Amino acid sequence: MSEKDEQTTRQAIIEASMKLFAKRGYHGTSVSQIAEATGLTKGALYWHFKGKEHLFLTVLDCIRESWQETIMNRVESSVRVAEKLEQLFDATSEMVAGSDDPCSMHLFLVSAGAQPEMRDFEDAIKAAYAGYVKTLADTIRAGQEDGDIKKEVDAESTAVGIIGCLEGAVLQARLHPPATIAAAIAEMKRHFIRSLCASPARAPKKEKRAPAGSDQLNLF
């Protein structure tokens, strides 16, 4: 098997495992089920991964990498803090619109983290969020130092709140069409940035869009 084929097979195993872990939980998912989902033998799975625990931790690493590549790199590439925050919301919205299954990594973490038997992986699950929260909190603190963000804002709790709202919107993508989720994220962006910015002039203008239908009005 060529290196390219190995990487393709490895990625297919990771994606199938993520969905199964999210749906069935760690202990409810067997190596046999993962093999069946990928069309591989158990022996082939063990060729790529030492076992189910190794596979689970690999999925967590892939989630962190996905967030970094898809969202956080765009945040970090902007200059002004308001622009960084806008990129956070916009990149999340685009991720929802551009993915066949944008919820899988979020559902995976919500499902995994909620299971008492997952305490052995608690540090790894927290680490999947830690960099995300830290980068956003540091961005808010930098904005406070520059005078862009209100001094009374608690950076870490605000970062956790923003991430929680965005993940909630992504999870809602299973229940609503992409346009509705995009509109919801645009509203969150407008309200968060307006409430955080020290100068109203820096807050983004409300985006023009069609009147909300009943689906949008009932989103939250």
C-alpha atoms as a PDB file:
ATOM      1  CA  MET A   1       0.000   0.000   0.000  1.00  0.00           C
ATOM      2  CA  SER A   2       1.388   3.400  -0.984  1.00  0.00           C
ATOM      3  CA  GLU A   3       1.857   6.190   1.535  1.00  0.00           C
ATOM      4  CA  LYS A   4      -1.019   8.095  -0.085  1.00  0.00           C
ATOM      5  CA  ASP A   5      -3.337   5.087   0.214  1.00  0.00           C
ATOM      6  CA  GLU A   6      -2.313   4.619   3.849  1.00  0.00           C
ATOM      7  CA  GLN A   7      -3.173   8.227   4.643  1.00  0.00           C
ATOM      8  CA  THR A   8      -6.530   7.911   2.858  1.00  0.00           C
ATOM      9  CA  THR A   9      -7.368   4.738   4.768  1.00  0.00           C
ATOM     10  CA  ARG A  10      -6.257   6.251   8.063  1.00  0.00           C
ATOM     11  CA  GLN A  11      -8.460   9.305   7.510  1.00  0.00           C
ATOM     12  CA  ALA A  12     -11.455   7.119   6.641  1.00  0.00           C
ATOM     13  CA  ILE A  13     -10.986   5.205   9.900  1.00  0.00           C
ATOM     14  CA  ILE A  14     -10.800   8.428  11.915  1.00  0.00           C
ATOM     15  CA  GLU A  15     -13.954   9.891  10.327  1.00  0.00           C
ATOM     16  CA  ALA A  16     -15.938   6.681  10.806  1.00  0.00           C
ATOM     17  CA  SER A  17     -14.752   6.397  14.405  1.00  0.00           C
ATOM     18  CA  MET A  18     -15.725   9.983  15.171  1.00  0.00           C
ATOM     19  CA  LYS A  19     -19.292   9.385  14.035  1.00  0.00           C
ATOM     20  CA  LEU A  20     -19.617   6.074  15.850  1.00  0.00           C
ATOM     21  CA  PHE A  21     -18.161   7.423  19.108  1.00  0.00           C
ATOM     22  CA  ALA A  22     -20.558  10.380  18.899  1.00  0.00           C
ATOM     23  CA  LYS A  23     -23.548   8.134  18.312  1.00  0.00           C
ATOM     24  CA  ARG A  24     -22.748   5.152  20.544  1.00  0.00           C
ATOM     25  CA  GLY A  25     -20.194   6.468  23.020  1.00  0.00           C
ATOM     26  CA  TYR A  26     -16.724   5.103  23.602  1.00  0.00           C
ATOM     27  CA  HIS A  27     -17.700   1.887  25.367  1.00  0.00           C
ATOM     28  CA  GLY A  28     -20.681   1.377  23.079  1.00  0.00           C
ATOM     29  CA  THR A  29     -18.446   1.347  20.016  1.00  0.00           C
ATOM     30  CA  SER A  30     -16.451  -1.752  19.182  1.00  0.00           C
ATOM     31  CA  VAL A  31     -13.468  -2.216  16.924  1.00  0.00           C
ATOM     32  CA  SER A  32     -15.648  -4.581  14.884  1.00  0.00           C
ATOM     33  CA  GLN A  33     -18.200  -1.833  14.282  1.00  0.00           C
ATOM     34  CA  ILE A  34     -15.479   0.558  13.164  1.00  0.00           C
ATOM     35  CA  ALA A  35     -14.088  -2.092  10.841  1.00  0.00           C
ATOM     36  CA  GLU A  36     -17.530  -2.716   9.367  1.00  0.00           C
ATOM     37  CA  ALA A  37     -18.115   1.018   8.839  1.00  0.00           C
ATOM     38  CA  THR A  38     -14.858   1.347   6.925  1.00  0.00           C
ATOM     39  CA  GLY A  39     -15.014  -1.978   5.078  1.00  0.00           C
ATOM     40  CA  LEU A  40     -11.738  -3.099   6.657  1.00  0.00           C
ATOM     41  CA  THR A  41     -10.759  -6.076   8.738  1.00  0.00           C
ATOM     42  CA  LYS A  42      -9.907  -5.697  12.421  1.00  0.00           C
ATOM     43  CA  GLY A  43      -6.363  -6.631  11.530  1.00  0.00           C
ATOM     44  CA  ALA A  44      -6.192  -3.732   9.079  1.00  0.00           C
ATOM     45  CA  LEU A  45      -7.410  -1.350  11.783  1.00  0.00           C
ATOM     46  CA  TYR A  46      -4.727  -2.543  14.178  1.00  0.00           C
ATOM     47  CA  TRP A  47      -2.165  -1.935  11.457  1.00  0.00           C
ATOM     48  CA  HIS A  48      -2.990   1.784  11.601  1.00  0.00           C
ATOM     49  CA  PHE A  49      -3.904   2.123  15.301  1.00  0.00           C
ATOM     50  CA  LYS A  50      -2.773   0.281  18.430  1.00  0.00           C
ATOM     51  CA  GLY A  51      -6.330  -0.026  19.700  1.00  0.00           C
ATOM     52  CA  LYS A  52      -9.576   1.776  20.411  1.00  0.00           C
ATOM     53  CA  GLU A  53      -8.015   4.073  23.023  1.00  0.00           C
ATOM     54  CA  HIS A  54      -5.304   5.133  20.567  1.00  0.00           C
ATOM     55  CA  LEU A  55      -7.977   5.781  17.945  1.00  0.00           C
ATOM     56  CA  PHE A  56     -10.065   7.856  20.358  1.00  0.00           C
ATOM     57  CA  LEU A  57      -7.114  10.063  21.283  1.00  0.00           C
ATOM     58  CA  THR A  58      -6.229  10.437  17.596  1.00  0.00           C
ATOM     59  CA  VAL A  59      -9.760  11.676  16.887  1.00  0.00           C
ATOM     60  CA  LEU A  60      -9.346  14.311  19.612  1.00  0.00           C
ATOM     61  CA  ASP A  61      -6.079  15.455  18.034  1.00  0.00           C
ATOM     62  CA  CYS A  62      -7.770  15.719  14.639  1.00  0.00           C
ATOM     63  CA  ILE A  63     -10.536  17.838  16.143  1.00  0.00           C
ATOM     64  CA  ARG A  64      -7.978  20.286  17.526  1.00  0.00           C
ATOM     65  CA  GLU A  65      -6.195  20.428  14.192  1.00  0.00           C
ATOM     66  CA  SER A  66      -9.461  20.999  12.326  1.00  0.00           C
ATOM     67  CA  TRP A  67     -10.403  23.911  14.570  1.00  0.00           C
ATOM     68  CA  GLN A  68      -6.969  25.416  14.145  1.00  0.00           C
ATOM     69  CA  GLU A  69      -6.897  25.102  10.362  1.00  0.00           C
ATOM     70  CA  THR A  70     -10.519  25.973   9.667  1.00  0.00           C
ATOM     71  CA  ILE A  71     -11.187  28.696  12.217  1.00  0.00           C
ATOM     72  CA  MET A  72      -8.360  29.826  14.464  1.00  0.00           C
ATOM     73  CA  ASN A  73      -5.817  30.492  11.703  1.00  0.00           C
ATOM     74  CA  ARG A  74      -8.233  33.024  10.234  1.00  0.00           C
ATOM     75  CA  VAL A  75      -8.731  34.623  13.629  1.00  0.00           C
ATOM     76  CA  GLU A  76      -4.998  34.922  14.233  1.00  0.00           C
ATOM     77  CA  SER A  77      -4.323  36.349  10.750  1.00  0.00           C
ATOM     78  CA  SER A  78      -6.462  39.452  11.386  1.00  0.00           C
ATOM     79  CA  VAL A  79      -5.027  42.615  12.955  1.00  0.00           C
ATOM     80  CA  ARG A  80      -7.738  44.386  14.918  1.00  0.00           C
ATOM     81  CA  VAL A  81      -9.562  42.516  17.662  1.00  0.00           C
ATOM     82  CA  ALA A  82     -13.001  43.287  16.239  1.00  0.00           C
ATOM     83  CA  GLU A  83     -11.850  41.786  12.938  1.00  0.00           C
ATOM     84  CA  LYS A  84     -10.545  38.691  14.730  1.00  0.00           C
ATOM     85  CA  LEU A  85     -13.920  38.183  16.398  1.00  0.00           C
ATOM     86  CA  GLU A  86     -15.728  38.682  13.101  1.00  0.00           C
ATOM     87  CA  GLN A  87     -13.491  36.039  11.512  1.00  0.00           C
ATOM     88  CA  LEU A  88     -14.343  33.615  14.316  1.00  0.00           C
ATOM     89  CA  PHE A  89     -18.065  33.882  13.597  1.00  0.00           C
ATOM     90  CA  ASP A  90     -17.684  34.010   9.811  1.00  0.00           C
ATOM     91  CA  ALA A  91     -15.350  31.006   9.663  1.00  0.00           C
ATOM     92  CA  THR A  92     -17.733  28.958  11.804  1.00  0.00           C
ATOM     93  CA  SER A  93     -20.639  29.901   9.561  1.00  0.00           C
ATOM     94  CA  GLU A  94     -18.670  28.911   6.465  1.00  0.00           C
ATOM     95  CA  MET A  95     -17.683  25.618   8.073  1.00  0.00           C
ATOM     96  CA  VAL A  96     -21.365  24.778   8.539  1.00  0.00           C
ATOM     97  CA  ALA A  97     -22.202  25.718   4.951  1.00  0.00           C
ATOM     98  CA  GLY A  98     -19.242  23.883   3.433  1.00  0.00           C
ATOM     99  CA  SER A  99     -19.374  20.559   5.293  1.00  0.00           C
ATOM    100  CA  ASP A 100     -21.536  17.507   4.666  1.00  0.00           C
ATOM    101  CA  ASP A 101     -21.554  16.828   8.393  1.00  0.00           C
ATOM    102  CA  PRO A 102     -20.470  19.973  10.278  1.00  0.00           C
ATOM    103  CA  CYS A 103     -21.759  18.670  13.588  1.00  0.00           C
ATOM    104  CA  SER A 104     -19.775  15.490  13.885  1.00  0.00           C
ATOM    105  CA  MET A 105     -16.811  16.808  15.851  1.00  0.00           C
ATOM    106  CA  HIS A 106     -19.033  18.855  18.158  1.00  0.00           C
ATOM    107  CA  LEU A 107     -21.448  15.990  18.745  1.00  0.00           C
ATOM    108  CA  PHE A 108     -18.484  13.747  19.371  1.00  0.00           C
ATOM    109  CA  LEU A 109     -17.151  15.932  22.174  1.00  0.00           C
ATOM    110  CA  VAL A 110     -20.566  16.603  23.708  1.00  0.00           C
ATOM    111  CA  SER A 111     -21.411  12.912  23.701  1.00  0.00           C
ATOM    112  CA  ALA A 112     -18.014  11.752  24.911  1.00  0.00           C
ATOM    113  CA  GLY A 113     -17.645  14.370  27.615  1.00  0.00           C
ATOM    114  CA  ALA A 114     -21.094  13.704  29.061  1.00  0.00           C
ATOM    115  CA  GLN A 115     -20.428  10.035  29.782  1.00  0.00           C
ATOM    116  CA  PRO A 116     -19.239   9.227  33.335  1.00  0.00           C
ATOM    117  CA  GLU A 117     -17.120   6.359  32.031  1.00  0.00           C
ATOM    118  CA  MET A 118     -15.073   8.843  30.017  1.00  0.00           C
ATOM    119  CA  ARG A 119     -13.267  10.178  33.092  1.00  0.00           C
ATOM    120  CA  ASP A 120     -10.121   8.362  31.989  1.00  0.00           C
ATOM    121  CA  PHE A 121     -10.059  10.690  28.980  1.00  0.00           C
ATOM    122  CA  GLU A 122     -11.088  13.847  30.839  1.00  0.00           C
ATOM    123  CA  ASP A 123      -7.721  15.573  30.400  1.00  0.00           C
ATOM    124  CA  ALA A 124      -7.661  14.806  26.683  1.00  0.00           C
ATOM    125  CA  ILE A 125     -11.233  16.054  26.195  1.00  0.00           C
ATOM    126  CA  LYS A 126     -10.454  19.291  28.062  1.00  0.00           C
ATOM    127  CA  ALA A 127      -7.323  19.713  25.948  1.00  0.00           C
ATOM    128  CA  ALA A 128      -9.466  19.588  22.820  1.00  0.00           C
ATOM    129  CA  TYR A 129     -11.031  22.864  23.986  1.00  0.00           C
ATOM    130  CA  ALA A 130      -8.172  24.432  25.933  1.00  0.00           C
ATOM    131  CA  GLY A 131      -6.296  25.949  23.006  1.00  0.00           C
ATOM    132  CA  TYR A 132      -9.514  27.242  21.468  1.00  0.00           C
ATOM    133  CA  VAL A 133     -10.535  29.006  24.687  1.00  0.00           C
ATOM    134  CA  LYS A 134      -7.031  30.324  25.407  1.00  0.00           C
ATOM    135  CA  THR A 135      -6.571  31.852  21.960  1.00  0.00           C
ATOM    136  CA  LEU A 136      -9.909  33.624  22.116  1.00  0.00           C
ATOM    137  CA  ALA A 137      -9.407  34.801  25.714  1.00  0.00           C
ATOM    138  CA  ASP A 138      -5.923  36.113  24.852  1.00  0.00           C
ATOM    139  CA  THR A 139      -7.410  37.931  21.864  1.00  0.00           C
ATOM    140  CA  ILE A 140      -9.973  39.630  24.099  1.00  0.00           C
ATOM    141  CA  ARG A 141      -7.284  40.613  26.633  1.00  0.00           C
ATOM    142  CA  ALA A 142      -5.151  42.086  23.862  1.00  0.00           C
ATOM    143  CA  GLY A 143      -8.163  44.114  22.760  1.00  0.00           C
ATOM    144  CA  GLN A 144      -8.585  45.421  26.300  1.00  0.00           C
ATOM    145  CA  GLU A 145      -4.961  46.538  26.371  1.00  0.00           C
ATOM    146  CA  ASP A 146      -5.410  48.336  23.041  1.00  0.00           C
ATOM    147  CA  GLY A 147      -8.654  49.940  24.168  1.00  0.00           C
ATOM    148  CA  ASP A 148     -10.763  48.066  21.613  1.00  0.00           C
ATOM    149  CA  ILE A 149     -12.582  45.889  24.160  1.00  0.00           C
ATOM    150  CA  LYS A 150     -14.320  47.113  27.309  1.00  0.00           C
ATOM    151  CA  LYS A 151     -12.132  46.807  30.414  1.00  0.00           C
ATOM    152  CA  GLU A 152     -14.897  45.275  32.548  1.00  0.00           C
ATOM    153  CA  VAL A 153     -15.228  42.233  30.298  1.00  0.00           C
ATOM    154  CA  ASP A 154     -13.981  38.967  31.808  1.00  0.00           C
ATOM    155  CA  ALA A 155     -11.922  37.514  28.969  1.00  0.00           C
ATOM    156  CA  GLU A 156     -12.010  33.816  29.820  1.00  0.00           C
ATOM    157  CA  SER A 157     -15.702  33.565  30.702  1.00  0.00           C
ATOM    158  CA  THR A 158     -16.580  35.568  27.592  1.00  0.00           C
ATOM    159  CA  ALA A 159     -14.453  33.239  25.454  1.00  0.00           C
ATOM    160  CA  VAL A 160     -16.219  30.211  26.929  1.00  0.00           C
ATOM    161  CA  GLY A 161     -19.592  31.860  26.313  1.00  0.00           C
ATOM    162  CA  ILE A 162     -18.833  32.712  22.684  1.00  0.00           C
ATOM    163  CA  ILE A 163     -17.566  29.212  21.947  1.00  0.00           C
ATOM    164  CA  GLY A 164     -20.595  27.688  23.654  1.00  0.00           C
ATOM    165  CA  CYS A 165     -22.982  29.781  21.566  1.00  0.00           C
ATOM    166  CA  LEU A 166     -21.179  28.936  18.333  1.00  0.00           C
ATOM    167  CA  GLU A 167     -21.131  25.235  19.103  1.00  0.00           C
ATOM    168  CA  GLY A 168     -24.822  25.378  19.948  1.00  0.00           C
ATOM    169  CA  ALA A 169     -25.487  26.911  16.541  1.00  0.00           C
ATOM    170  CA  VAL A 170     -23.430  24.213  14.834  1.00  0.00           C
ATOM    171  CA  LEU A 171     -25.370  21.495  16.638  1.00  0.00           C
ATOM    172  CA  GLN A 172     -28.594  23.132  15.446  1.00  0.00           C
ATOM    173  CA  ALA A 173     -27.453  22.495  11.871  1.00  0.00           C
ATOM    174  CA  ARG A 174     -29.017  19.043  12.192  1.00  0.00           C
ATOM    175  CA  LEU A 175     -32.403  20.660  12.717  1.00  0.00           C
ATOM    176  CA  HIS A 176     -32.352  23.744  10.467  1.00  0.00           C
ATOM    177  CA  PRO A 177     -31.237  24.628   6.940  1.00  0.00           C
ATOM    178  CA  PRO A 178     -27.808  26.241   6.449  1.00  0.00           C
ATOM    179  CA  ALA A 179     -29.330  29.656   5.693  1.00  0.00           C
ATOM    180  CA  THR A 180     -31.026  29.700   9.088  1.00  0.00           C
ATOM    181  CA  ILE A 181     -27.823  28.783  10.903  1.00  0.00           C
ATOM    182  CA  ALA A 182     -25.869  31.405   8.949  1.00  0.00           C
ATOM    183  CA  ALA A 183     -28.434  34.038   9.915  1.00  0.00           C
ATOM    184  CA  ALA A 184     -28.285  32.974  13.572  1.00  0.00           C
ATOM    185  CA  ILE A 185     -24.482  33.178  13.637  1.00  0.00           C
ATOM    186  CA  ALA A 186     -24.602  36.608  11.951  1.00  0.00           C
ATOM    187  CA  GLU A 187     -26.935  37.806  14.710  1.00  0.00           C
ATOM    188  CA  MET A 188     -24.632  36.424  17.404  1.00  0.00           C
ATOM    189  CA  LYS A 189     -21.678  38.157  15.777  1.00  0.00           C
ATOM    190  CA  ARG A 190     -23.469  41.488  15.744  1.00  0.00           C
ATOM    191  CA  HIS A 191     -24.629  41.278  19.361  1.00  0.00           C
ATOM    192  CA  PHE A 192     -21.373  39.951  20.823  1.00  0.00           C
ATOM    193  CA  ILE A 193     -19.118  42.434  19.058  1.00  0.00           C
ATOM    194  CA  ARG A 194     -21.416  45.351  19.838  1.00  0.00           C
ATOM    195  CA  SER A 195     -21.475  44.412  23.526  1.00  0.00           C
ATOM    196  CA  LEU A 196     -17.705  43.868  23.725  1.00  0.00           C
ATOM    197  CA  CYS A 197     -16.334  46.779  21.708  1.00  0.00           C
ATOM    198  CA  ALA A 198     -15.362  49.873  23.678  1.00  0.00           C
ATOM    199  CA  SER A 199     -16.402  52.078  20.758  1.00  0.00           C
ATOM    200  CA  PRO A 200     -19.773  51.467  19.051  1.00  0.00           C
ATOM    201  CA  ALA A 201     -18.190  52.747  15.846  1.00  0.00           C
ATOM    202  CA  ARG A 202     -16.079  49.583  15.666  1.00  0.00           C
ATOM    203  CA  ALA A 203     -19.055  47.256  15.892  1.00  0.00           C
ATOM    204  CA  PRO A 204     -20.079  45.711  12.556  1.00  0.00           C
ATOM    205  CA  LYS A 205     -23.172  46.990  10.821  1.00  0.00           C
ATOM    206  CA  LYS A 206     -26.173  44.711  10.843  1.00  0.00           C
ATOM    207  CA  GLU A 207     -26.182  42.624   7.698  1.00  0.00           C
ATOM    208  CA  LYS A 208     -29.172  43.022   5.392  1.00  0.00           C
ATOM    209  CA  ARG A 209     -31.124  39.824   4.897  1.00  0.00           C
ATOM    210  CA  ALA A 210     -34.617  38.599   4.204  1.00  0.00           C
ATOM    211  CA  PRO A 211     -37.167  38.789   7.061  1.00  0.00           C
ATOM    212  CA  ALA A 212     -36.893  35.856   9.434  1.00  0.00           C
ATOM    213  CA  GLY A 213     -39.346  33.035   8.862  1.00  0.00           C
ATOM    214  CA  SER A 214     -40.904  30.957  11.605  1.00  0.00           C
ATOM    215  CA  ASP A 215     -37.959  28.565  11.460  1.00  0.00           C
ATOM    216  CA  GLN A 216     -35.504  31.337  12.309  1.00  0.00           C
ATOM    217  CA  LEU A 217     -37.717  32.901  14.971  1.00  0.00           C
ATOM    218  CA  ASN A 218     -37.898  29.620  16.820  1.00  0.00           C
ATOM    219  CA  LEU A 219     -34.184  28.819  16.567  1.00  0.00           C
ATOM    220  CA  PHE A 220     -33.440  29.723  20.154  1.00  0.00           C
END
